[in-house]
Amino acid sequence: MRLTAHYRLSHFLTPLLLIPAGIAAGSLAELSEFFISLFNVLPTLLLLLGGALCMVYGRQRQLFMLAAVYIAYFLLDTQVDFFRAHGRTRPEAALVFHLCCVLLPLLYGVYGIWEERMHLLQDLLARSAALLAVVGVTTALARRFPQGLAELLSDTYWPSLHGQWMSLAQLSYLGFILASVALLAAYLRQPRPLHAAQLVGLLGLLWMLPKVFILPHALTVMTSLAMLNLAGAVAHEAYQMAFRDELTGLPGRRALNERFQRLGQQYVLAMIDVDHFKKFNDSHGHDVGDQVLRMVASHLRRTGGGGKAYRYGGEEFTLVFAGKSIEQCLPHLEAVRQSIESYSMHLRDRGNRPRDDRQGRSKRGGKDGQTVSVTISIGVAERDVERRSPEEVIKGADQALYAAKSGGRNRVAVYGQARRGAVRTA
């Protein structure tokens, strides 16, 4: 069963801001001198800065996607500059244009789905060899058979499928379709900001290519924002790696420490621990143990009263209630404790796991497999005259948690008080 929302609108937020902005700016007939100068240097700057960021975080696929976009930009920009300076195109302009239109989406798509599974240096050499092979073979064919290659790339192979709206050759659209399907499948299989950025960026390139010789700034503007889109997605994932727990999807310890800096004068902190987790993990295996943590995180994420859940570490979680008192928070803490206690987890063999949420809900409560329940203990403390810093408050909550576990577990304990919740031995 899946307990985390994998497909998120936030994955597409930045790409859907950058790419439409590129379409709007690239469609303008005139830009100020400042923006013309900026977009003229931005692709090279993004290649260097974005490439460095990719190398730091081992994102080889995005590094070579940036390189593929930049190579196409460089080749097309050379032809466009000559066209605008002399009012005519170079003899090889048509061949260069068709090559870029066909090879760019294919290289973009191949690098987009080429996962990093080798040693960093080996992966770098393999991707470089592939790029050099494509460039070398293409250059050799273009020099040896320029006319024949141009006709091969620009020919209409399926007249019945050719529409008047098509501004590119059919092979170009075929390349974009194949790349789009591959990148969409990559996102559906593993929803990530990088995969979303790759898919939306490809659509921006599809808009750009037919307008390279028509709109004066389409090439530089869209290339810049498409590359910025990729570099921004790498930075987005780097942030998630640092601040979000991969297993549960909750913000992690570093994000909690950042939150401590802006809690204000009144707040409540609660420490949550999964009861007998080590014993449960040893009995049922780490795979089921991970499932337990995801389930607990899912319930904590829905805590009422403005509670914000974080994964503190291991089987421990933290709830932050900003601007609240303990009296206001206790009903919500008791409610989440009871919801987890009453939730029955149905264990199945790995080969009998449901494929989706609907199938999981239909099988839940059935007789095939073992049903187990999980409980949590909660310790809670609030900021007061004795505990002024978040570190002191969380220390108090941790002491209350210890009291809850010592008192029989599956209960809420308040620092400095003796409060018992409904107890059921798991």
Foldseek 3Di string as FASTA:
>chain_A
DDLDDQDDPVLQVLLVVLLVVLVVVLQDQDDDPVVVVCLVCLLVVLLVVLLVLCLVVVVLLLNVLSVLLVVLLVLLVVQLVVCVVPVDGDPLNLVSLLCNLQVSLQSLLVSLLDDPDDPSVVVNVVNVVVVCVVVVVSVVCCVVPVPVSSCVSQPADDVVPDDPPDLGGPSSVVSLVVSLVSLVVVCVVGPASLSSLSNSLSVSVVVQSSCSNPGPCSSSSSSSSSSVSNSVSSVVVVVCVVFADPLQRAGEQVVVVVVLVPQPFKKKKKKKAWPPLVVVCVVPHVVVSSVLLNVLSSLQCPQPQQWGKYAHDDRMIMTMHGPDDPVSRVVSVLVSQVVQQPDKDFDDDPVPDDPDDVVVVVCPPPDHGDIDGIGMEMFMFMDDPVRGGPVSRVVQSVVQSVVCVVVQGSFYGYRPDDDGDDDDHD
